[in-house]
């Protein structure tokens, strides 16, 4: 794997597709075991970033389940705005249902806290959180992250559904911001 350039930033290899798939295998096994006795849980994908994780995770779930989506936004560029906007609401009722929220990344916890509150207000029986990437050092939330596929430091990453200003989601591997290379390129005006 080599560096990729997205707009004005350079990103270096962080996690290969194969490593991601192994992490998803582990999460799916835990979910299948934990939910084997629950009646038809709903897997709730948080758009847009979770779509690749959501698809690969669901291929491994051997339970009878339903799926739905919600679209929330809290990022602009490389940082969180601190405010969660609901761009697409719940697409089905969650009343008296067991929910598995499928997120791309949990860092400060703002999105998870807002979503948890929304699901409780709409009558969800239980709520579990699965995320591809978890930043425990940044997490300020109080909601338990039940199924973190990977724990990472507070670095900005792209690929496998994660983006930088809406690009980079299609990369099959995950890349981390290469601060030194980005600064070097700025100094010589390369875009």
Protein backbone atom coordinates (compact mmCIF):
# COMPACT_ATOMS: atom_id res chain seq x y z
CA UNK A 1 0.00 0.00 0.00
CA UNK A 2 1.20 3.50 -0.74
CA UNK A 3 0.09 6.98 0.28
CA UNK A 4 -3.05 8.49 -1.26
CA UNK A 5 -3.71 12.16 -1.89
CA UNK A 6 -7.21 13.50 -1.12
CA UNK A 7 -7.65 17.18 -1.91
CA UNK A 8 -4.91 18.97 0.04
CA UNK A 9 -4.02 16.09 2.37
CA UNK A 10 -1.79 13.05 2.14
CA UNK A 11 -2.78 9.81 3.89
CA UNK A 12 -0.51 6.86 4.62
CA UNK A 13 -1.49 3.19 4.94
CA UNK A 14 -2.93 2.26 8.33
CA UNK A 15 -4.95 -0.96 8.08
CA UNK A 16 -5.25 -3.41 5.20
CA UNK A 17 -8.52 -4.79 3.87
CA UNK A 18 -7.55 -8.22 5.22
CA UNK A 19 -7.01 -6.83 8.74
CA UNK A 20 -10.38 -5.07 8.56
CA UNK A 21 -12.11 -8.30 7.53
CA UNK A 22 -10.57 -10.22 10.47
CA UNK A 23 -11.81 -7.53 12.88
CA UNK A 24 -15.31 -7.76 11.36
CA UNK A 25 -15.24 -11.57 11.74
CA UNK A 26 -14.58 -11.15 15.47
CA UNK A 27 -17.41 -8.61 15.94
CA UNK A 28 -19.88 -10.75 13.99
CA UNK A 29 -19.05 -13.81 16.07
CA UNK A 30 -19.70 -11.87 19.30
CA UNK A 31 -22.99 -10.45 18.01
CA UNK A 32 -24.19 -13.85 16.77
CA UNK A 33 -23.43 -15.34 20.18
CA UNK A 34 -24.92 -12.47 22.24
CA UNK A 35 -28.14 -12.17 20.22
CA UNK A 36 -28.84 -15.84 19.45
CA UNK A 37 -31.84 -15.91 21.79
CA UNK A 38 -33.32 -12.52 20.85
CA UNK A 39 -36.26 -12.18 18.51
CA UNK A 40 -35.41 -10.50 15.17
CA UNK A 41 -33.10 -7.63 16.16
CA UNK A 42 -32.90 -4.54 13.97
CA UNK A 43 -29.47 -3.57 12.66
CA UNK A 44 -29.50 0.22 12.30
CA UNK A 45 -26.83 1.54 9.93
CA UNK A 46 -25.66 5.10 10.49
CA UNK A 47 -25.13 6.62 7.06
CA UNK A 48 -23.03 7.47 5.25
CA UNK A 49 -19.78 6.21 6.72
CA UNK A 50 -20.94 2.81 7.97
CA UNK A 51 -22.13 1.43 4.63
CA UNK A 52 -19.09 -0.77 3.94
CA UNK A 53 -18.82 -2.03 7.52
CA UNK A 54 -22.60 -2.53 7.65
CA UNK A 55 -22.63 -4.61 4.45
CA UNK A 56 -19.68 -6.80 5.42
CA UNK A 57 -20.94 -7.26 8.99
CA UNK A 58 -24.45 -8.26 7.90
CA UNK A 59 -23.03 -10.90 5.53
CA UNK A 60 -21.67 -12.61 8.64
CA UNK A 61 -24.77 -12.34 10.84
CA UNK A 62 -26.53 -15.72 10.95
CA UNK A 63 -29.56 -14.49 12.89
CA UNK A 64 -33.00 -13.61 11.62
CA UNK A 65 -32.82 -9.82 11.59
CA UNK A 66 -34.11 -6.63 9.99
CA UNK A 67 -32.17 -3.64 8.73
CA UNK A 68 -32.83 0.07 8.57
CA UNK A 69 -30.85 3.28 8.29
CA UNK A 70 -30.52 6.76 9.71
CA UNK A 71 -28.32 9.55 8.43
CA UNK A 72 -26.54 11.79 10.90
CA UNK A 73 -23.73 14.30 10.40
CA UNK A 74 -21.27 15.83 12.84
CA UNK A 75 -18.05 16.29 10.84
CA UNK A 76 -16.75 19.02 8.57
CA UNK A 77 -13.32 18.46 7.07
CA UNK A 78 -11.13 16.65 9.60
CA UNK A 79 -12.89 17.62 12.83
CA UNK A 80 -16.20 17.24 14.61
CA UNK A 81 -18.51 20.26 14.69
CA UNK A 82 -19.74 19.24 18.12
CA UNK A 83 -23.32 19.27 16.81
CA UNK A 84 -25.21 16.27 15.43
CA UNK A 85 -27.60 16.94 12.55
CA UNK A 86 -30.26 14.40 11.58
CA UNK A 87 -30.34 14.32 7.77
CA UNK A 88 -32.56 11.22 7.42
CA UNK A 89 -34.70 10.03 10.32
CA UNK A 90 -35.52 6.48 11.38
CA UNK A 91 -36.98 4.54 8.47
CA UNK A 92 -39.05 2.17 10.64
CA UNK A 93 -40.45 1.79 14.14
CA UNK A 94 -38.05 0.66 16.87
CA UNK A 95 -40.71 0.41 19.60
CA UNK A 96 -40.12 -2.68 21.81
CA UNK A 97 -37.30 -3.84 19.52
CA UNK A 98 -33.69 -4.86 20.18
CA UNK A 99 -31.41 -2.56 18.20
CA UNK A 100 -27.80 -2.95 17.09
CA UNK A 101 -26.47 0.43 15.97
CA UNK A 102 -23.77 0.02 13.30
CA UNK A 103 -21.39 3.00 13.17
CA UNK A 104 -18.25 3.65 11.16
CA UNK A 105 -16.36 5.44 13.92
CA UNK A 106 -16.97 6.54 17.51
CA UNK A 107 -14.69 9.29 18.76
CA UNK A 108 -16.12 11.91 21.17
CA UNK A 109 -19.43 10.07 21.46
CA UNK A 110 -21.69 12.98 20.52
CA UNK A 111 -23.41 11.12 17.70
CA UNK A 112 -23.88 7.95 19.77
CA UNK A 113 -25.32 9.89 22.72
CA UNK A 114 -27.84 11.68 20.48
CA UNK A 115 -28.80 8.49 18.65
CA UNK A 116 -29.16 6.52 21.90
CA UNK A 117 -31.46 9.22 23.26
CA UNK A 118 -33.53 9.19 20.04
CA UNK A 119 -33.90 5.39 20.12
CA UNK A 120 -34.93 5.41 23.80
CA UNK A 121 -37.48 8.17 23.10
CA UNK A 122 -38.89 5.98 20.33
CA UNK A 123 -39.28 2.99 22.66
CA UNK A 124 -36.34 0.70 21.81
CA UNK A 125 -36.19 -2.24 24.23
CA UNK A 126 -32.39 -2.60 24.10
CA UNK A 127 -29.60 -0.81 22.27
CA UNK A 128 -26.16 -2.18 21.51
CA UNK A 129 -23.41 -0.30 19.68
CA UNK A 130 -21.12 -1.83 17.04
CA UNK A 131 -18.43 0.32 15.44
CA UNK A 132 -15.64 -0.33 12.99
CA UNK A 133 -13.33 2.16 14.71
CA UNK A 134 -13.37 3.34 18.33
CA UNK A 135 -11.21 6.15 19.76
CA UNK A 136 -11.26 5.45 23.51
CA UNK A 137 -8.86 8.33 24.20
CA UNK A 138 -11.32 10.82 22.69
CA UNK A 139 -14.52 9.26 23.99
CA UNK A 140 -16.46 11.50 26.38
CA UNK A 141 -19.74 9.59 26.16
CA UNK A 142 -21.40 7.43 28.78
CA UNK A 143 -22.94 4.85 26.43
CA UNK A 144 -21.19 1.47 26.40
CA UNK A 145 -19.56 0.59 23.08
CA UNK A 146 -20.46 -3.10 22.95
CA UNK A 147 -18.71 -4.20 19.77
CA UNK A 148 -15.65 -2.14 18.76
CA UNK A 149 -13.94 -3.86 15.82
CA UNK A 150 -10.76 -1.79 16.28
CA UNK A 151 -9.54 0.69 18.90
CA UNK A 152 -7.30 3.46 17.58
CA UNK A 153 -5.64 6.66 18.81
CA UNK A 154 -7.15 10.06 18.03
CA UNK A 155 -5.92 10.10 14.42
CA UNK A 156 -7.89 11.17 11.36
CA UNK A 157 -8.52 8.19 9.08
CA UNK A 158 -10.16 7.58 5.70
CA UNK A 159 -11.16 4.60 3.60
CA UNK A 160 -13.57 1.69 3.95
CA UNK A 161 -16.50 4.11 4.18
CA UNK A 162 -14.72 6.87 6.12
CA UNK A 163 -14.20 10.13 4.26
CA UNK A 164 -12.41 13.44 4.08
CA UNK A 165 -14.91 16.03 2.82
CA UNK A 166 -16.92 13.25 1.10
CA UNK A 167 -14.01 11.59 -0.75
CA UNK A 168 -12.00 8.50 0.11
CA UNK A 169 -14.96 6.33 1.16
CA UNK A 170 -14.33 3.93 -1.73
CA UNK A 171 -10.80 2.99 -0.63
CA UNK A 172 -10.78 -0.66 0.44
CA UNK A 173 -7.97 -0.14 2.97
CA UNK A 174 -7.83 2.43 5.78
CA UNK A 175 -5.37 5.31 5.72
CA UNK A 176 -4.28 7.79 8.38
CA UNK A 177 -3.48 11.46 7.86
CA UNK A 178 0.22 11.85 7.06
CA UNK A 179 0.84 15.21 8.70
CA UNK A 180 4.50 15.48 7.66
CA UNK A 181 3.82 14.71 3.98
CA UNK A 182 0.79 17.04 3.93
CA UNK A 183 2.90 19.88 5.35
CA UNK A 184 5.74 19.14 2.92
CA UNK A 185 3.35 19.31 -0.03
CA UNK A 186 1.85 22.57 1.22
CA UNK A 187 5.33 24.07 1.31
CA UNK A 188 5.88 23.30 -2.38
CA UNK A 189 2.31 24.09 -3.48
CA UNK A 190 1.34 20.61 -4.72
CA UNK A 191 -2.32 19.79 -4.82
